[in-house]
């Protein structure tokens, strides 16, 4: 998905990696490319950052964006992050129990609630943390393992970290205490903001 998206949006790929022009991924991303570009324009306007509009083939940025989508999607529905090695889905199970999942899905996804939520997220102090992008990738994969029911084994989580970071060209092993804490902090902030937006 990452190589395909980079090929479509940046018109070239920095490494000699094959892109299957007849794959499901290529068709899906290509068909929805205008929609994705409209999201980039909205993000640029929201953050007042025009540099976002200059799409560059950057592995770590794309890898972080792709993984963060999967990670944050755990609030919407269970995601099978470790297929085919583990079928157990990751989700915000405790949060869903605390808010009544169906009430959350019905009431949160309104324009009014989402506007309050997005404003709160953008203005949150949680973003002041100093984090490393590769460490953040590793931390999100660890959290996806923690959030799976039952929890994905250490071996599976570790192998996925190694595969993903290896694909991105990063082969160092470093501690990610700050990044894991950031994940836990942003999860708490999201839950608090969702609660406030539902009021």
Protein backbone atom coordinates (compact mmCIF):
# COMPACT_ATOMS: atom_id res chain seq x y z
CA UNK A 1 0.00 0.00 0.00
CA UNK A 2 2.79 2.40 0.88
CA UNK A 3 4.74 1.87 -2.33
CA UNK A 4 1.56 2.09 -4.40
CA UNK A 5 0.35 5.31 -2.72
CA UNK A 6 3.76 6.91 -3.12
CA UNK A 7 3.83 5.92 -6.80
CA UNK A 8 0.38 7.46 -7.39
CA UNK A 9 0.74 10.66 -5.37
CA UNK A 10 4.38 11.48 -6.00
CA UNK A 11 4.58 10.31 -9.62
CA UNK A 12 7.73 8.38 -8.85
CA UNK A 13 9.24 6.11 -6.25
CA UNK A 14 12.70 6.76 -4.80
CA UNK A 15 13.69 3.10 -4.62
CA UNK A 16 13.54 0.34 -7.20
CA UNK A 17 10.52 -1.39 -5.68
CA UNK A 18 7.88 -2.92 -7.93
CA UNK A 19 4.39 -1.46 -8.12
CA UNK A 20 1.69 -3.76 -9.49
CA UNK A 21 -0.48 -1.52 -11.67
CA UNK A 22 -3.19 -4.20 -11.78
CA UNK A 23 -3.43 -4.87 -8.05
CA UNK A 24 -6.42 -4.22 -5.80
CA UNK A 25 -4.33 -1.67 -3.86
CA UNK A 26 -3.46 0.27 -7.01
CA UNK A 27 -7.06 0.35 -8.26
CA UNK A 28 -8.45 1.33 -4.85
CA UNK A 29 -5.96 4.11 -4.14
CA UNK A 30 -6.08 5.43 -7.70
CA UNK A 31 -9.91 5.58 -7.74
CA UNK A 32 -9.95 7.42 -4.40
CA UNK A 33 -6.91 9.64 -5.08
CA UNK A 34 -8.92 12.86 -5.50
CA UNK A 35 -10.68 12.21 -2.19
CA UNK A 36 -7.35 11.62 -0.42
CA UNK A 37 -5.93 14.80 -1.94
CA UNK A 38 -8.97 16.72 -0.68
CA UNK A 39 -8.16 15.47 2.84
CA UNK A 40 -4.59 16.74 2.49
CA UNK A 41 -5.95 20.14 1.45
CA UNK A 42 -8.28 20.20 4.46
CA UNK A 43 -5.44 19.23 6.80
CA UNK A 44 -3.28 21.95 5.29
CA UNK A 45 -6.03 24.53 5.86
CA UNK A 46 -6.72 23.33 9.42
CA UNK A 47 -3.07 23.51 10.42
CA UNK A 48 -2.24 26.55 8.26
CA UNK A 49 0.67 24.55 6.77
CA UNK A 50 1.02 24.78 2.98
CA UNK A 51 4.08 22.51 2.98
CA UNK A 52 1.72 19.51 3.22
CA UNK A 53 0.59 20.19 -0.32
CA UNK A 54 4.06 19.38 -1.68
CA UNK A 55 3.80 15.58 -1.57
CA UNK A 56 7.19 13.89 -1.42
CA UNK A 57 8.11 10.21 -1.53
CA UNK A 58 9.16 9.89 2.08
CA UNK A 59 9.16 6.38 3.52
CA UNK A 60 9.04 7.21 7.21
CA UNK A 61 6.29 9.84 6.86
CA UNK A 62 4.17 7.58 4.70
CA UNK A 63 4.83 4.60 6.96
CA UNK A 64 3.85 6.61 10.02
CA UNK A 65 0.67 7.88 8.34
CA UNK A 66 -0.37 4.40 7.19
CA UNK A 67 0.21 2.81 10.58
CA UNK A 68 -1.39 5.67 12.53
CA UNK A 69 -4.56 5.23 10.48
CA UNK A 70 -4.74 1.59 11.57
CA UNK A 71 -3.88 2.48 15.17
CA UNK A 72 -6.48 5.23 15.50
CA UNK A 73 -9.07 3.10 13.71
CA UNK A 74 -9.14 0.94 16.87
CA UNK A 75 -11.61 3.53 18.22
CA UNK A 76 -14.03 2.90 15.34
CA UNK A 77 -14.01 -0.88 15.13
CA UNK A 78 -11.77 -3.89 15.80
CA UNK A 79 -8.88 -4.16 13.33
CA UNK A 80 -6.92 -7.29 12.46
CA UNK A 81 -3.48 -5.72 12.55
CA UNK A 82 -1.41 -8.90 12.63
CA UNK A 83 -2.87 -11.02 9.84
CA UNK A 84 -1.99 -13.68 8.83
CA UNK A 85 0.08 -14.44 11.94
CA UNK A 86 -2.73 -13.64 14.37
CA UNK A 87 -6.44 -13.28 13.64
CA UNK A 88 -7.25 -11.62 16.95
CA UNK A 89 -8.45 -8.03 16.45
CA UNK A 90 -7.17 -4.93 18.21
CA UNK A 91 -9.70 -2.47 19.59
CA UNK A 92 -10.43 0.01 22.35
CA UNK A 93 -12.40 -2.62 24.26
CA UNK A 94 -12.38 -0.93 27.70
CA UNK A 95 -13.37 2.41 26.20
CA UNK A 96 -16.27 0.85 24.29
CA UNK A 97 -17.54 -0.78 27.49
CA UNK A 98 -17.37 2.52 29.34
CA UNK A 99 -19.37 4.51 26.76
CA UNK A 100 -21.71 1.89 25.26
CA UNK A 101 -20.30 1.19 21.80
CA UNK A 102 -23.58 1.61 19.89
CA UNK A 103 -24.37 4.93 21.57
CA UNK A 104 -20.85 6.11 20.75
CA UNK A 105 -21.19 5.09 17.08
CA UNK A 106 -24.59 6.74 16.78
CA UNK A 107 -23.95 10.01 18.61
CA UNK A 108 -20.27 10.72 18.00
CA UNK A 109 -20.29 10.60 14.21
CA UNK A 110 -22.28 13.78 13.71
CA UNK A 111 -20.86 16.99 12.29
CA UNK A 112 -21.35 18.81 15.59
CA UNK A 113 -19.60 16.18 17.73
CA UNK A 114 -16.76 15.73 15.26
CA UNK A 115 -16.16 19.50 15.06
CA UNK A 116 -15.83 19.75 18.85
CA UNK A 117 -13.57 16.68 18.90
CA UNK A 118 -11.26 17.84 16.11
CA UNK A 119 -10.88 21.30 17.64
CA UNK A 120 -9.97 19.71 20.98
CA UNK A 121 -7.44 17.38 19.37
CA UNK A 122 -5.73 20.21 17.47
CA UNK A 123 -5.52 22.39 20.59
CA UNK A 124 -4.35 19.62 22.95
CA UNK A 125 -1.08 19.97 24.86
CA UNK A 126 -0.36 16.30 24.24
CA UNK A 127 1.31 17.24 20.93
CA UNK A 128 4.09 19.09 22.79
CA UNK A 129 5.89 15.77 23.37
CA UNK A 130 9.25 15.20 21.68
CA UNK A 131 9.00 11.85 19.91
CA UNK A 132 11.01 9.97 17.32
CA UNK A 133 9.06 8.90 14.20
CA UNK A 134 10.63 5.42 14.10
CA UNK A 135 10.05 5.06 17.84
CA UNK A 136 6.44 6.11 17.28
CA UNK A 137 5.99 3.39 14.65
CA UNK A 138 7.37 0.80 17.04
CA UNK A 139 5.20 2.08 19.90
CA UNK A 140 2.01 1.97 17.81
CA UNK A 141 2.70 -1.64 16.80
CA UNK A 142 3.27 -2.51 20.48
CA UNK A 143 0.00 -0.80 21.42
CA UNK A 144 -1.85 -2.66 18.64
CA UNK A 145 -0.54 -5.86 20.21
CA UNK A 146 -1.62 -4.73 23.69
CA UNK A 147 -5.08 -3.83 22.38
CA UNK A 148 -5.71 -7.18 20.68
CA UNK A 149 -8.04 -9.67 22.37
CA UNK A 150 -6.39 -11.90 23.38
CA UNK A 151 -3.11 -10.01 23.29
CA UNK A 152 -0.88 -10.85 20.34
CA UNK A 153 2.22 -12.78 21.37
CA UNK A 154 5.52 -10.98 21.88
CA UNK A 155 7.04 -12.94 18.99
CA UNK A 156 4.38 -11.77 16.53
CA UNK A 157 4.53 -8.14 17.63
CA UNK A 158 8.34 -8.15 17.56
CA UNK A 159 8.46 -9.72 14.09
CA UNK A 160 6.02 -7.11 12.72
CA UNK A 161 8.10 -4.29 14.21
CA UNK A 162 11.20 -5.76 12.59
CA UNK A 163 9.48 -6.25 9.20
CA UNK A 164 7.91 -2.79 9.08
CA UNK A 165 10.94 -0.85 10.25
CA UNK A 166 13.17 -2.96 7.98
CA UNK A 167 11.00 -2.03 4.99
CA UNK A 168 11.40 1.63 5.98
CA UNK A 169 15.18 1.15 6.04
CA UNK A 170 15.58 1.39 9.81
CA UNK A 171 17.37 -1.46 11.59
CA UNK A 172 18.33 -0.03 14.99
CA UNK A 173 16.90 -1.37 18.22
CA UNK A 174 16.02 1.42 20.64
CA UNK A 175 13.82 1.85 23.67
CA UNK A 176 10.54 3.64 23.04
CA UNK A 177 9.43 4.60 26.56
CA UNK A 178 8.56 8.19 25.54
CA UNK A 179 6.66 7.07 22.47
CA UNK A 180 4.69 4.43 24.39
CA UNK A 181 3.81 7.04 27.00
CA UNK A 182 2.72 9.38 24.20
CA UNK A 183 0.42 6.65 22.83
CA UNK A 184 -1.15 6.16 26.24
CA UNK A 185 -1.48 9.92 26.73
CA UNK A 186 -3.12 10.46 23.34
CA UNK A 187 -5.50 7.55 23.98
CA UNK A 188 -6.58 9.15 27.27
CA UNK A 189 -6.96 12.53 25.57
CA UNK A 190 -9.05 11.03 22.75
CA UNK A 191 -11.35 9.32 25.23
CA UNK A 192 -11.74 12.53 27.23
CA UNK A 193 -12.45 14.58 24.10
CA UNK A 194 -14.93 12.04 22.75
CA UNK A 195 -16.75 12.19 26.09
CA UNK A 196 -16.83 15.99 25.96
CA UNK A 197 -18.02 16.04 22.35
CA UNK A 198 -20.88 13.66 23.19
CA UNK A 199 -22.13 16.13 25.82
